[in-house]
C-alpha atoms as a PDB file:
ATOM      1  CA  MET A   1     148.411  70.684  78.797  1.00  0.00           C
ATOM      2  CA  THR A   2     145.775  70.780  81.541  1.00  0.00           C
ATOM      3  CA  GLY A   3     143.994  74.146  81.550  1.00  0.00           C
ATOM      4  CA  ALA A   4     144.326  74.822  77.815  1.00  0.00           C
ATOM      5  CA  ALA A   5     141.417  74.375  75.413  1.00  0.00           C
ATOM      6  CA  ARG A   6     140.933  72.403  72.217  1.00  0.00           C
ATOM      7  CA  ALA A   7     139.209  74.137  69.327  1.00  0.00           C
ATOM      8  CA  GLU A   8     138.140  70.737  67.981  1.00  0.00           C
ATOM      9  CA  SER A   9     138.335  67.091  68.930  1.00  0.00           C
ATOM     10  CA  ALA A  10     141.824  65.602  69.014  1.00  0.00           C
ATOM     11  CA  VAL A  11     143.254  62.115  68.461  1.00  0.00           C
ATOM     12  CA  GLU A  12     146.177  60.977  70.603  1.00  0.00           C
ATOM     13  CA  ALA A  13     148.133  57.729  70.270  1.00  0.00           C
ATOM     14  CA  TRP A  14     149.073  56.637  73.776  1.00  0.00           C
ATOM     15  CA  ARG A  15     151.290  54.029  75.391  1.00  0.00           C
ATOM     16  CA  TRP A  16     150.527  52.940  78.919  1.00  0.00           C
ATOM     17  CA  GLY A  17     153.042  50.086  79.292  1.00  0.00           C
ATOM     18  CA  ALA A  18     156.068  48.357  77.821  1.00  0.00           C
ATOM     19  CA  GLY A  19     154.288  45.456  76.134  1.00  0.00           C
ATOM     20  CA  ALA A  20     153.643  45.327  72.401  1.00  0.00           C
ATOM     21  CA  ASP A  21     149.897  45.626  72.992  1.00  0.00           C
ATOM     22  CA  HIS A  22     150.100  48.179  75.792  1.00  0.00           C
ATOM     23  CA  HIS A  23     148.717  51.096  73.835  1.00  0.00           C
ATOM     24  CA  GLY A  24     145.519  52.845  72.938  1.00  0.00           C
ATOM     25  CA  VAL A  25     144.074  55.785  71.054  1.00  0.00           C
ATOM     26  CA  TRP A  26     142.372  58.618  72.890  1.00  0.00           C
ATOM     27  CA  VAL A  27     139.826  60.816  71.169  1.00  0.00           C
ATOM     28  CA  TRP A  28     139.391  64.008  73.158  1.00  0.00           C
ATOM     29  CA  PRO A  29     136.405  66.331  72.760  1.00  0.00           C
ATOM     30  CA  ALA A  30     136.710  69.992  71.936  1.00  0.00           C
ATOM     31  CA  GLY A  31     136.775  72.325  74.916  1.00  0.00           C
ATOM     32  CA  PRO A  32     138.787  72.832  78.093  1.00  0.00           C
ATOM     33  CA  CYS A  33     141.652  70.402  78.790  1.00  0.00           C
ATOM     34  CA  ARG A  34     140.635  69.472  82.315  1.00  0.00           C
ATOM     35  CA  PRO A  35     139.758  66.182  84.024  1.00  0.00           C
ATOM     36  CA  GLY A  36     136.428  64.843  82.848  1.00  0.00           C
ATOM     37  CA  PRO A  37     134.430  61.677  82.194  1.00  0.00           C
ATOM     38  CA  ALA A  38     135.885  58.987  79.961  1.00  0.00           C
ATOM     39  CA  VAL A  39     134.911  55.756  78.263  1.00  0.00           C
ATOM     40  CA  VAL A  40     137.231  52.800  77.696  1.00  0.00           C
ATOM     41  CA  LEU A  41     136.357  50.938  74.484  1.00  0.00           C
ATOM     42  CA  LEU A  42     137.277  47.266  73.991  1.00  0.00           C
ATOM     43  CA  HIS A  43     137.045  45.836  70.487  1.00  0.00           C
ATOM     44  CA  GLY A  44     135.948  42.367  69.464  1.00  0.00           C
ATOM     45  CA  GLY A  45     137.283  39.850  66.973  1.00  0.00           C
ATOM     46  CA  PHE A  46     137.252  36.676  69.100  1.00  0.00           C
ATOM     47  CA  TRP A  47     140.612  37.649  70.596  1.00  0.00           C
ATOM     48  CA  ARG A  48     142.455  37.281  67.266  1.00  0.00           C
ATOM     49  CA  ALA A  49     145.357  39.582  66.430  1.00  0.00           C
ATOM     50  CA  GLU A  50     144.044  40.488  62.978  1.00  0.00           C
ATOM     51  CA  TYR A  51     141.371  42.606  64.706  1.00  0.00           C
ATOM     52  CA  ASP A  52     142.467  45.700  66.570  1.00  0.00           C
ATOM     53  CA  LEU A  53     141.421  48.874  68.333  1.00  0.00           C
ATOM     54  CA  THR A  54     140.499  50.665  65.100  1.00  0.00           C
ATOM     55  CA  LEU A  55     137.168  48.805  65.198  1.00  0.00           C
ATOM     56  CA  MET A  56     135.972  51.067  68.012  1.00  0.00           C
ATOM     57  CA  LEU A  57     137.359  54.393  66.795  1.00  0.00           C
ATOM     58  CA  PRO A  58     134.125  55.417  65.026  1.00  0.00           C
ATOM     59  CA  LEU A  59     132.352  55.211  68.396  1.00  0.00           C
ATOM     60  CA  ALA A  60     135.188  57.169  70.005  1.00  0.00           C
ATOM     61  CA  HIS A  61     134.771  60.006  67.503  1.00  0.00           C
ATOM     62  CA  ASP A  62     131.020  60.027  68.031  1.00  0.00           C
ATOM     63  CA  LEU A  63     131.436  60.227  71.808  1.00  0.00           C
ATOM     64  CA  ALA A  64     133.870  63.124  71.381  1.00  0.00           C
ATOM     65  CA  ARG A  65     131.252  64.979  69.323  1.00  0.00           C
ATOM     66  CA  HIS A  66     128.978  64.570  72.339  1.00  0.00           C
ATOM     67  CA  GLY A  67     131.512  65.903  74.806  1.00  0.00           C
ATOM     68  CA  VAL A  68     133.040  62.704  76.194  1.00  0.00           C
ATOM     69  CA  ALA A  69     136.624  61.494  75.921  1.00  0.00           C
ATOM     70  CA  SER A  70     137.300  57.862  75.170  1.00  0.00           C
ATOM     71  CA  CYS A  71     140.208  55.496  74.739  1.00  0.00           C
ATOM     72  CA  SER A  72     140.081  52.558  72.352  1.00  0.00           C
ATOM     73  CA  LEU A  73     142.346  50.210  74.261  1.00  0.00           C
ATOM     74  CA  GLU A  74     144.455  47.420  72.802  1.00  0.00           C
ATOM     75  CA  TYR A  75     145.131  44.139  74.560  1.00  0.00           C
ATOM     76  CA  ARG A  76     146.851  40.827  73.986  1.00  0.00           C
ATOM     77  CA  ARG A  77     145.266  38.726  71.234  1.00  0.00           C
ATOM     78  CA  ARG A  78     146.419  35.453  69.803  1.00  0.00           C
ATOM     79  CA  THR A  79     148.369  35.256  66.560  1.00  0.00           C
ATOM     80  CA  PRO A  80     147.687  32.477  63.993  1.00  0.00           C
ATOM     81  CA  GLY A  81     148.535  29.111  65.507  1.00  0.00           C
ATOM     82  CA  GLU A  82     148.858  30.534  69.010  1.00  0.00           C
ATOM     83  CA  ARG A  83     146.741  29.356  71.943  1.00  0.00           C
ATOM     84  CA  GLY A  84     146.176  30.216  75.566  1.00  0.00           C
ATOM     85  CA  VAL A  85     146.413  34.009  75.818  1.00  0.00           C
ATOM     86  CA  ALA A  86     143.246  34.542  77.870  1.00  0.00           C
ATOM     87  CA  ASP A  87     145.001  35.389  81.127  1.00  0.00           C
ATOM     88  CA  ALA A  88     147.222  37.884  79.293  1.00  0.00           C
ATOM     89  CA  SER A  89     144.198  39.486  77.596  1.00  0.00           C
ATOM     90  CA  VAL A  90     142.435  39.981  80.909  1.00  0.00           C
ATOM     91  CA  ALA A  91     145.564  41.230  82.668  1.00  0.00           C
ATOM     92  CA  ASP A  92     146.166  43.757  79.878  1.00  0.00           C
ATOM     93  CA  VAL A  93     142.640  45.099  80.009  1.00  0.00           C
ATOM     94  CA  LEU A  94     142.652  45.452  83.793  1.00  0.00           C
ATOM     95  CA  ALA A  95     146.044  47.194  83.738  1.00  0.00           C
ATOM     96  CA  GLY A  96     144.983  49.385  80.807  1.00  0.00           C
ATOM     97  CA  TRP A  97     141.792  50.344  82.637  1.00  0.00           C
ATOM     98  CA  ALA A  98     143.852  51.392  85.667  1.00  0.00           C
ATOM     99  CA  ALA A  99     146.197  53.401  83.443  1.00  0.00           C
ATOM    100  CA  CYS A 100     143.240  55.207  81.857  1.00  0.00           C
ATOM    101  CA  ALA A 101     141.865  55.976  85.324  1.00  0.00           C
ATOM    102  CA  ALA A 102     145.225  57.501  86.273  1.00  0.00           C
ATOM    103  CA  HIS A 103     145.378  59.772  83.210  1.00  0.00           C
ATOM    104  CA  ARG A 104     145.655  63.434  84.189  1.00  0.00           C
ATOM    105  CA  LEU A 105     142.639  64.368  82.044  1.00  0.00           C
ATOM    106  CA  VAL A 106     140.333  61.656  83.381  1.00  0.00           C
ATOM    107  CA  ARG A 107     138.082  61.656  86.405  1.00  0.00           C
ATOM    108  CA  PRO A 108     138.397  58.086  87.693  1.00  0.00           C
ATOM    109  CA  ASP A 109     135.029  58.389  89.423  1.00  0.00           C
ATOM    110  CA  ARG A 110     133.282  59.055  86.095  1.00  0.00           C
ATOM    111  CA  MET A 111     134.338  56.237  83.803  1.00  0.00           C
ATOM    112  CA  ALA A 112     132.484  53.650  81.762  1.00  0.00           C
ATOM    113  CA  VAL A 113     133.638  50.574  79.895  1.00  0.00           C
ATOM    114  CA  VAL A 114     132.129  49.485  76.579  1.00  0.00           C
ATOM    115  CA  GLY A 115     133.046  46.192  74.928  1.00  0.00           C
ATOM    116  CA  HIS A 116     131.843  44.538  71.736  1.00  0.00           C
ATOM    117  CA  SER A 117     131.608  40.765  71.217  1.00  0.00           C
ATOM    118  CA  ALA A 118     134.829  39.272  72.636  1.00  0.00           C
ATOM    119  CA  GLY A 119     135.602  42.749  73.954  1.00  0.00           C
ATOM    120  CA  GLY A 120     132.288  42.487  75.789  1.00  0.00           C
ATOM    121  CA  THR A 121     133.690  39.477  77.630  1.00  0.00           C
ATOM    122  CA  LEU A 122     136.550  41.671  78.784  1.00  0.00           C
ATOM    123  CA  ALA A 123     134.307  44.623  79.654  1.00  0.00           C
ATOM    124  CA  LEU A 124     132.261  42.385  81.953  1.00  0.00           C
ATOM    125  CA  LEU A 125     135.438  41.215  83.659  1.00  0.00           C
ATOM    126  CA  VAL A 126     136.427  44.859  84.193  1.00  0.00           C
ATOM    127  CA  ALA A 127     132.988  45.399  85.747  1.00  0.00           C
ATOM    128  CA  ALA A 128     133.665  42.545  88.164  1.00  0.00           C
ATOM    129  CA  ARG A 129     137.385  42.695  88.824  1.00  0.00           C
ATOM    130  CA  ALA A 130     138.737  46.235  88.407  1.00  0.00           C
ATOM    131  CA  PRO A 131     139.807  47.827  91.731  1.00  0.00           C
ATOM    132  CA  ILE A 132     138.183  51.057  90.519  1.00  0.00           C
ATOM    133  CA  PRO A 133     134.875  49.826  89.088  1.00  0.00           C
ATOM    134  CA  PRO A 134     133.161  51.671  86.233  1.00  0.00           C
ATOM    135  CA  LEU A 135     130.007  53.694  86.705  1.00  0.00           C
ATOM    136  CA  LEU A 136     128.593  51.658  83.822  1.00  0.00           C
ATOM    137  CA  ALA A 137     129.567  48.616  81.802  1.00  0.00           C
ATOM    138  CA  LEU A 138     127.945  48.331  78.382  1.00  0.00           C
ATOM    139  CA  ALA A 139     128.390  44.870  76.876  1.00  0.00           C
ATOM    140  CA  GLN A 140     127.529  44.815  73.165  1.00  0.00           C
ATOM    141  CA  ALA A 141     126.687  41.357  71.773  1.00  0.00           C
ATOM    142  CA  ALA A 142     129.035  39.956  74.395  1.00  0.00           C
ATOM    143  CA  VAL A 143     130.329  36.421  74.720  1.00  0.00           C
ATOM    144  CA  THR A 144     129.425  35.782  78.356  1.00  0.00           C
ATOM    145  CA  ASP A 145     129.192  32.028  78.957  1.00  0.00           C
ATOM    146  CA  LEU A 146     132.409  30.484  77.694  1.00  0.00           C
ATOM    147  CA  ARG A 147     131.377  26.853  78.082  1.00  0.00           C
ATOM    148  CA  ALA A 148     128.168  27.485  76.171  1.00  0.00           C
ATOM    149  CA  ALA A 149     130.058  29.405  73.475  1.00  0.00           C
ATOM    150  CA  ASP A 150     132.447  26.471  73.133  1.00  0.00           C
ATOM    151  CA  HIS A 151     129.540  24.040  72.934  1.00  0.00           C
ATOM    152  CA  GLU A 152     127.863  26.236  70.305  1.00  0.00           C
ATOM    153  CA  ALA A 153     131.151  26.284  68.328  1.00  0.00           C
ATOM    154  CA  LEU A 154     131.258  30.053  67.934  1.00  0.00           C
ATOM    155  CA  SER A 155     133.704  31.432  65.344  1.00  0.00           C
ATOM    156  CA  ASP A 156     137.151  30.314  64.209  1.00  0.00           C
ATOM    157  CA  GLY A 157     136.048  26.861  63.084  1.00  0.00           C
ATOM    158  CA  GLY A 158     134.138  26.471  66.336  1.00  0.00           C
ATOM    159  CA  ASP A 159     137.249  26.635  68.526  1.00  0.00           C
ATOM    160  CA  ALA A 160     137.524  30.374  69.217  1.00  0.00           C
ATOM    161  CA  VAL A 161     137.048  30.159  72.967  1.00  0.00           C
ATOM    162  CA  ARG A 162     139.105  26.996  73.357  1.00  0.00           C
ATOM    163  CA  LYS A 163     142.000  28.561  71.443  1.00  0.00           C
ATOM    164  CA  TRP A 164     141.797  31.693  73.584  1.00  0.00           C
ATOM    165  CA  VAL A 165     141.851  29.791  76.874  1.00  0.00           C
ATOM    166  CA  GLY A 166     144.319  27.253  75.483  1.00  0.00           C
ATOM    167  CA  ILE A 167     142.750  24.051  76.802  1.00  0.00           C
ATOM    168  CA  GLY A 168     139.358  22.350  76.971  1.00  0.00           C
ATOM    169  CA  PRO A 169     136.944  23.135  79.818  1.00  0.00           C
ATOM    170  CA  GLY A 170     136.990  19.553  81.068  1.00  0.00           C
ATOM    171  CA  GLU A 171     140.783  19.542  81.280  1.00  0.00           C
ATOM    172  CA  ALA A 172     141.261  22.774  83.229  1.00  0.00           C
ATOM    173  CA  PRO A 173     137.914  24.050  84.557  1.00  0.00           C
ATOM    174  CA  GLU A 174     139.607  26.558  86.866  1.00  0.00           C
ATOM    175  CA  ARG A 175     141.225  28.308  83.887  1.00  0.00           C
ATOM    176  CA  TRP A 176     137.831  28.656  82.230  1.00  0.00           C
ATOM    177  CA  ARG A 177     136.187  29.957  85.398  1.00  0.00           C
ATOM    178  CA  ALA A 178     138.905  32.578  85.831  1.00  0.00           C
ATOM    179  CA  VAL A 179     137.883  34.349  82.604  1.00  0.00           C
ATOM    180  CA  ASP A 180     134.157  33.541  82.430  1.00  0.00           C
ATOM    181  CA  PRO A 181     131.898  36.563  83.033  1.00  0.00           C
ATOM    182  CA  CYS A 182     129.033  34.358  84.195  1.00  0.00           C
ATOM    183  CA  VAL A 183     131.215  33.356  87.158  1.00  0.00           C
ATOM    184  CA  TRP A 184     132.171  36.914  88.161  1.00  0.00           C
ATOM    185  CA  ARG A 185     129.474  39.081  89.770  1.00  0.00           C
ATOM    186  CA  PRO A 186     129.534  42.676  88.483  1.00  0.00           C
ATOM    187  CA  ARG A 187     130.328  45.512  90.880  1.00  0.00           C
ATOM    188  CA  CYS A 188     128.635  48.217  88.819  1.00  0.00           C
ATOM    189  CA  PRO A 189     125.484  48.642  86.728  1.00  0.00           C
ATOM    190  CA  VAL A 190     125.630  46.573  83.530  1.00  0.00           C
ATOM    191  CA  VAL A 191     123.646  46.956  80.315  1.00  0.00           C
ATOM    192  CA  MET A 192     123.583  43.915  78.041  1.00  0.00           C
ATOM    193  CA  ALA A 193     122.919  45.224  74.516  1.00  0.00           C
ATOM    194  CA  HIS A 194     122.130  42.718  71.775  1.00  0.00           C
ATOM    195  CA  GLY A 195     120.825  43.013  68.224  1.00  0.00           C
ATOM    196  CA  ARG A 196     117.816  40.950  67.289  1.00  0.00           C
ATOM    197  CA  ALA A 197     119.343  40.318  63.844  1.00  0.00           C
ATOM    198  CA  ASP A 198     122.722  39.180  65.262  1.00  0.00           C
ATOM    199  CA  ARG A 199     123.873  35.942  63.613  1.00  0.00           C
ATOM    200  CA  ASP A 200     127.411  35.938  65.028  1.00  0.00           C
ATOM    201  CA  VAL A 201     126.776  35.767  68.772  1.00  0.00           C
ATOM    202  CA  PRO A 202     123.416  34.270  69.805  1.00  0.00           C
ATOM    203  CA  ALA A 203     121.120  36.194  72.135  1.00  0.00           C
ATOM    204  CA  SER A 204     121.306  33.237  74.516  1.00  0.00           C
ATOM    205  CA  GLN A 205     124.749  34.525  75.529  1.00  0.00           C
ATOM    206  CA  CYS A 206     123.134  37.714  76.828  1.00  0.00           C
ATOM    207  CA  GLU A 207     120.335  35.749  78.463  1.00  0.00           C
ATOM    208  CA  ARG A 208     122.724  33.458  80.320  1.00  0.00           C
ATOM    209  CA  TYR A 209     124.562  36.398  81.854  1.00  0.00           C
ATOM    210  CA  LEU A 210     121.291  38.000  82.929  1.00  0.00           C
ATOM    211  CA  ALA A 211     120.236  34.723  84.574  1.00  0.00           C
ATOM    212  CA  ALA A 212     123.606  34.150  86.246  1.00  0.00           C
ATOM    213  CA  HIS A 213     123.557  37.583  87.873  1.00  0.00           C
ATOM    214  CA  ALA A 214     119.835  38.183  88.214  1.00  0.00           C
ATOM    215  CA  GLU A 215     120.256  39.679  91.697  1.00  0.00           C
ATOM    216  CA  ALA A 216     122.977  42.148  90.672  1.00  0.00           C
ATOM    217  CA  PRO A 217     121.813  45.770  91.134  1.00  0.00           C
ATOM    218  CA  GLY A 218     121.554  47.782  87.940  1.00  0.00           C
ATOM    219  CA  LEU A 219     121.692  44.829  85.547  1.00  0.00           C
ATOM    220  CA  ARG A 220     119.432  45.233  82.517  1.00  0.00           C
ATOM    221  CA  SER A 221     119.119  44.255  78.878  1.00  0.00           C
ATOM    222  CA  LEU A 222     118.775  46.451  75.811  1.00  0.00           C
ATOM    223  CA  SER A 223     117.237  44.808  72.760  1.00  0.00           C
ATOM    224  CA  LEU A 224     118.158  46.452  69.464  1.00  0.00           C
ATOM    225  CA  PRO A 225     116.940  45.820  65.902  1.00  0.00           C
ATOM    226  CA  GLY A 226     120.260  45.449  64.096  1.00  0.00           C
ATOM    227  CA  ASP A 227     122.919  42.813  63.555  1.00  0.00           C
ATOM    228  CA  HIS A 228     126.309  42.138  65.126  1.00  0.00           C
ATOM    229  CA  TYR A 229     127.943  45.180  63.532  1.00  0.00           C
ATOM    230  CA  ALA A 230     125.097  47.711  63.578  1.00  0.00           C
ATOM    231  CA  ILE A 231     125.566  47.780  67.334  1.00  0.00           C
ATOM    232  CA  ILE A 232     128.961  49.486  66.873  1.00  0.00           C
ATOM    233  CA  ASP A 233     128.010  51.670  63.912  1.00  0.00           C
ATOM    234  CA  PRO A 234     127.596  55.296  65.040  1.00  0.00           C
ATOM    235  CA  GLY A 235     125.436  55.918  61.984  1.00  0.00           C
ATOM    236  CA  ALA A 236     122.977  53.161  62.858  1.00  0.00           C
ATOM    237  CA  GLN A 237     119.915  53.605  65.029  1.00  0.00           C
ATOM    238  CA  ASP A 238     121.220  50.858  67.344  1.00  0.00           C
ATOM    239  CA  TRP A 239     123.951  53.159  68.651  1.00  0.00           C
ATOM    240  CA  ARG A 240     121.773  56.069  69.721  1.00  0.00           C
ATOM    241  CA  PRO A 241     120.145  54.501  72.806  1.00  0.00           C
ATOM    242  CA  GLN A 242     123.521  53.091  73.848  1.00  0.00           C
ATOM    243  CA  ARG A 243     125.131  56.514  73.604  1.00  0.00           C
ATOM    244  CA  ALA A 244     122.265  58.004  75.605  1.00  0.00           C
ATOM    245  CA  LEU A 245     122.863  55.507  78.417  1.00  0.00           C
ATOM    246  CA  ILE A 246     126.573  56.340  78.499  1.00  0.00           C
ATOM    247  CA  LEU A 247     125.945  60.089  78.623  1.00  0.00           C
ATOM    248  CA  GLU A 248     123.309  59.669  81.315  1.00  0.00           C
ATOM    249  CA  ALA A 249     125.652  57.590  83.465  1.00  0.00           C
ATOM    250  CA  LEU A 250     128.746  59.772  83.128  1.00  0.00           C
ATOM    251  CA  CYS A 251     127.819  63.346  82.623  1.00  0.00           C
ATOM    252  CA  GLU A 252     126.299  65.796  85.020  1.00  0.00           C
ATOM    253  CA  THR A 253     126.470  68.400  82.229  1.00  0.00           C
ATOM    254  CA  VAL A 254     127.678  67.675  78.716  1.00  0.00           C
ATOM    255  CA  THR A 255     127.318  69.901  75.696  1.00  0.00           C
ATOM    256  CA  THR A 256     126.203  67.675  72.833  1.00  0.00           C
ATOM    257  CA  THR A 257     126.338  68.291  69.102  1.00  0.00           C
ATOM    258  CA  ARG A 258     124.823  66.503  66.174  1.00  0.00           C
END
């Protein structure tokens, strides 16, 4: 209840819609139950259903220890043999973002979105397309240029992006453009974080986004030493500067713990 206080951080399973994937997990910090800043976390996994929101829960718990609520949000992914769920993925994330912003314990003017890998694709689309834009979008090893990712044969036998969109870029270019972050100019500051040891998503994906939106205010890169998974490991040094950027963007005053 608003106005009460939590003695310690709390985990809350949450449904925001009627769809099978319309759910998330909030991790609330200890302290007063009143509206405050929040982070929406979007997991990766190249949009495949075997990967889910639990991938981002370690970051959620770390943010709670530093005084910030977060929601690891689920979205539509494709099941084995399925193709063409990209529009549903994006629609889910945009609707889920709006539902998080409407939560009684969230200040919609103090929200950030963080997405890893394929979730970074979605975070960048939130930055560009959400009616209530974030204060910050942090894209971690994000897939940003879908045509280039298809050409580079990233993941899933080289067809990860093509399976997600459901058709080749030459056959339906408008469907690819609709979900390609390099096409959509961000409406908030964006940090492109990438590990120098990443072998799963090449750094050229980050570089292409930076080039595509070079004139966008607040766009910057963050080079980190680790690999594709160190970037989402709260125990790794790669996470600390990312967390600092989130806290700086969202929090006028936050009590942090270690």
